[in-house]
Protein backbone atom coordinates (compact mmCIF):
# COMPACT_ATOMS: atom_id res chain seq x y z
CA MET A 1 0.00 0.00 0.00
CA SER A 2 1.40 3.43 -0.89
CA PHE A 3 0.17 6.89 0.03
CA SER A 4 0.33 10.22 -1.78
CA SER A 5 1.96 13.16 -0.06
CA ALA A 6 -1.46 14.71 0.58
CA GLN A 7 -2.69 11.52 2.24
CA ILE A 8 0.47 11.28 4.35
CA LEU A 9 -0.08 14.89 5.43
CA GLN A 10 -3.67 14.08 6.45
CA ILE A 11 -2.54 11.04 8.44
CA VAL A 12 0.17 13.09 10.17
CA GLN A 13 -2.34 15.85 10.99
CA ILE A 14 -4.75 13.34 12.51
CA ALA A 15 -1.99 11.61 14.48
CA ALA A 16 -0.60 14.95 15.67
CA GLY A 17 -4.05 16.06 16.75
CA ILE A 18 -4.64 12.89 18.73
CA TRP A 19 -1.13 13.02 20.22
CA ALA A 20 -1.56 16.67 21.20
CA VAL A 21 -4.87 15.97 22.91
CA LEU A 22 -3.57 12.94 24.78
CA PHE A 23 0.07 13.76 25.47
CA GLY A 24 1.00 17.15 24.01
CA GLY A 25 0.34 19.40 26.97
CA ARG A 26 2.55 17.38 29.33
CA ALA A 27 5.38 16.87 26.82
CA ILE A 28 5.56 20.56 25.95
CA TYR A 29 5.36 21.43 29.65
CA ASP A 30 8.36 19.18 30.40
CA LEU A 31 10.34 20.57 27.47
CA ILE A 32 9.72 24.22 28.31
CA LYS A 33 10.34 23.59 32.00
CA LYS A 34 13.85 22.37 31.13
CA ILE A 35 14.65 25.63 29.34
CA LYS A 36 13.36 27.76 32.25
CA VAL A 37 10.35 29.51 30.71
CA LYS A 38 7.84 31.41 32.82
CA ARG A 39 4.91 29.34 34.02
CA SER A 40 2.33 31.65 32.33
CA VAL A 41 4.00 31.22 28.93
CA LEU A 42 4.14 27.50 29.51
CA LEU A 43 0.44 27.31 30.32
CA ASN A 44 -0.48 29.40 27.26
CA VAL A 45 1.59 27.21 24.93
CA GLY A 46 0.20 24.01 26.44
CA LEU A 47 -3.36 25.29 26.19
CA ALA A 48 -2.86 26.32 22.57
CA ILE A 49 -1.55 22.86 21.67
CA VAL A 50 -4.43 21.10 23.37
CA VAL A 51 -6.98 23.38 21.64
CA LEU A 52 -5.34 22.92 18.22
CA GLY A 53 -5.14 19.14 18.67
CA THR A 54 -8.76 18.95 19.79
CA ALA A 55 -9.88 21.08 16.84
CA THR A 56 -8.03 18.80 14.41
CA VAL A 57 -9.62 15.67 15.87
CA ILE A 58 -13.08 17.27 15.81
CA ARG A 59 -12.59 18.38 12.20
CA TYR A 60 -11.72 14.89 10.96
CA PHE A 61 -14.11 12.81 13.00
CA PHE A 62 -17.11 14.85 14.12
CA LEU A 63 -17.88 17.75 11.77
CA PRO A 64 -20.72 17.00 9.38
CA ALA A 65 -20.28 17.12 5.62
CA VAL A 66 -21.10 20.56 4.27
CA PRO A 67 -23.26 20.08 1.18
CA PRO A 68 -23.31 22.54 -1.69
CA THR A 69 -26.37 24.76 -1.92
CA GLY A 70 -28.49 25.04 -5.03
CA PHE A 71 -27.04 21.76 -6.34
CA THR A 72 -28.77 20.72 -9.57
CA VAL A 73 -28.04 18.07 -12.18
CA THR A 74 -28.61 19.42 -15.70
CA THR A 75 -27.45 16.59 -18.00
CA LEU A 76 -29.25 13.64 -16.40
CA LYS A 77 -32.96 13.12 -15.77
CA ALA A 78 -34.68 10.75 -13.34
CA GLY A 79 -35.56 7.48 -15.07
CA GLN A 80 -33.24 8.15 -18.00
CA VAL A 81 -32.14 5.08 -19.98
CA ILE A 82 -28.35 4.86 -20.21
CA GLN A 83 -26.33 2.44 -22.32
CA ASN A 84 -23.79 0.39 -20.39
CA GLN A 85 -20.70 2.64 -20.26
CA ASN A 86 -18.27 0.13 -18.83
CA THR A 87 -15.18 1.20 -20.81
CA PRO A 88 -13.17 4.38 -20.20
CA ASP A 89 -13.58 5.59 -23.81
CA SER A 90 -17.38 5.45 -23.44
CA ALA A 91 -17.59 6.93 -19.92
CA LEU A 92 -20.46 9.22 -19.00
CA THR A 93 -19.93 12.87 -18.01
CA ILE A 94 -22.55 14.49 -15.80
CA GLN A 95 -22.83 18.25 -15.33
CA GLY A 96 -24.84 20.66 -13.26
CA THR A 97 -24.91 23.91 -11.34
CA TYR A 98 -24.53 25.06 -7.75
CA ALA A 99 -24.91 28.28 -5.76
CA SER A 100 -22.28 27.54 -3.09
CA GLU A 101 -19.91 24.55 -3.16
CA GLY A 102 -19.99 23.94 0.61
CA SER A 103 -16.92 21.95 1.60
CA GLY A 104 -16.31 21.05 -2.05
CA LEU A 105 -15.94 17.36 -1.20
CA MET A 106 -18.31 15.25 -3.29
CA TRP A 107 -18.05 11.90 -5.06
CA VAL A 108 -20.31 9.98 -7.43
CA VAL A 109 -21.30 6.51 -6.24
CA LEU A 110 -23.43 4.13 -8.29
CA GLN A 111 -25.98 1.72 -6.78
CA ASP A 112 -27.03 -1.56 -8.30
CA LYS A 113 -30.33 -3.45 -7.97
CA LEU A 114 -28.99 -5.20 -4.82
CA GLY A 115 -28.24 -1.89 -3.09
CA GLN A 116 -24.47 -2.28 -3.43
CA TYR A 117 -22.31 0.77 -4.11
CA TYR A 118 -19.57 1.41 -6.70
CA LEU A 119 -17.21 4.36 -6.25
CA GLN A 120 -16.50 6.48 -9.33
CA ASN A 121 -13.25 8.39 -9.79
CA PRO A 122 -12.37 11.28 -9.94
CA PRO A 123 -14.52 13.17 -7.43
CA VAL A 124 -16.91 15.89 -8.56
CA SER A 125 -15.10 19.06 -9.69
CA PHE A 126 -16.62 22.38 -8.68
CA LEU A 127 -15.77 24.90 -11.40
CA ASP A 128 -15.93 28.69 -11.49
CA GLY A 129 -19.20 30.26 -12.52
CA GLY A 130 -21.42 27.96 -10.46
CA LYS A 131 -20.88 24.87 -12.60
CA TRP A 132 -19.70 21.39 -11.61
CA VAL A 133 -18.71 18.29 -13.57
CA ALA A 134 -18.38 14.57 -12.80
CA ASN A 135 -16.22 12.73 -15.33
CA ASN A 136 -15.46 9.09 -16.00
CA ILE A 137 -18.76 7.63 -14.76
CA LEU A 138 -18.77 3.96 -15.77
CA ILE A 139 -22.33 2.64 -15.82
CA GLY A 140 -22.23 -1.16 -15.49
CA LYS A 141 -24.85 -3.87 -15.65
CA ASP A 142 -27.79 -3.61 -13.20
CA ILE A 143 -27.00 -0.04 -12.05
CA THR A 144 -30.24 1.59 -10.88
CA ARG A 145 -29.13 4.84 -9.19
CA ILE A 146 -26.49 7.54 -9.49
CA ASP A 147 -25.78 9.04 -6.07
CA PHE A 148 -24.00 12.32 -5.38
CA VAL A 149 -22.31 11.84 -2.01
CA VAL A 150 -21.04 14.70 0.15
CA VAL A 151 -18.19 13.72 2.46
CA THR A 152 -16.32 15.04 5.46
CA ASP A 153 -12.51 15.11 5.42
CA TRP A 154 -12.58 11.60 6.90
CA GLY A 155 -15.07 10.32 4.30
CA ASN A 156 -12.94 11.91 1.57
CA PHE A 157 -9.84 10.23 3.00
CA THR A 158 -11.66 6.87 2.96
CA PHE A 159 -12.68 7.27 -0.69
CA GLN A 160 -9.14 8.37 -1.62
CA GLN A 161 -7.80 5.22 0.03
CA MET A 162 -10.24 3.12 -2.00
CA VAL A 163 -8.96 4.78 -5.19
CA MET A 164 -5.31 4.29 -4.16
CA ASN A 165 -6.00 0.60 -3.47
CA ASN A 166 -7.94 0.21 -6.72
CA GLN A 167 -11.10 -0.82 -4.81
CA PHE A 168 -13.82 -0.14 -7.34
CA GLY A 169 -15.82 -3.30 -6.73
CA ALA A 170 -19.11 -3.50 -4.85
CA PHE A 171 -19.33 -2.41 -1.20
CA ASN A 172 -22.38 -2.52 1.06
CA MET A 173 -22.19 0.62 3.19
CA LEU A 174 -21.07 4.16 2.57
CA PRO A 175 -18.11 5.11 4.77
CA GLU A 176 -18.35 7.12 7.98
CA GLY A 177 -18.54 10.81 7.14
CA SER A 178 -20.58 10.49 3.95
CA GLN A 179 -24.13 11.48 3.08
CA ILE A 180 -26.14 11.12 -0.12
CA LEU A 181 -27.14 14.61 -1.27
CA ARG A 182 -28.96 13.60 -4.46
CA SER A 183 -29.93 10.20 -5.82
CA ILE A 184 -31.12 9.86 -9.41
CA PRO A 185 -32.86 6.66 -10.54
CA ILE A 186 -31.76 5.39 -13.96
CA THR A 187 -32.22 2.37 -16.19
CA SER A 188 -28.99 0.84 -17.46
CA VAL A 189 -29.13 -1.10 -20.71
CA VAL A 190 -26.37 -3.49 -21.73
CA SER A 191 -24.83 -2.53 -25.07
CA PRO A 192 -25.30 -5.08 -27.86
């Protein structure tokens, strides 16, 4: 398993946040005590580290996904019949508009008739001028829904890990930190 530099940075931030909450105040206190710093400075530094660490942990694990406002899909209609697009050169592109991108973290996930999910890559791109685009959507056999999933930083990290590990097969539950914003029913037809 390999990680990109952005993913390593996220892991380090999470670990540093947890470390700071659990151990940071005492470790900094001991270090500053050795170099003879005033107690008030020491307390302020320790408090700042604990607050920063707690904020980092809260951001990754507890903040809800911030959905875009005014999110509309303009190139796909409910119930639309779509030919099986299971090759990259015949991939579907979906477009739409938005008023505010929210956190800007959104992925397309397909659902099949059994309720299983299939992650699509890359994530939705929010463009200037209130437009967004989802590229490389590969509609396979028995796909019944196209879901637009808003994610927290943790949910985004989970999806990025799935991409890095080439995990595009069926999965049964959306990851922690994800929420379906819009679900569009479709009918997929296998190409002759």
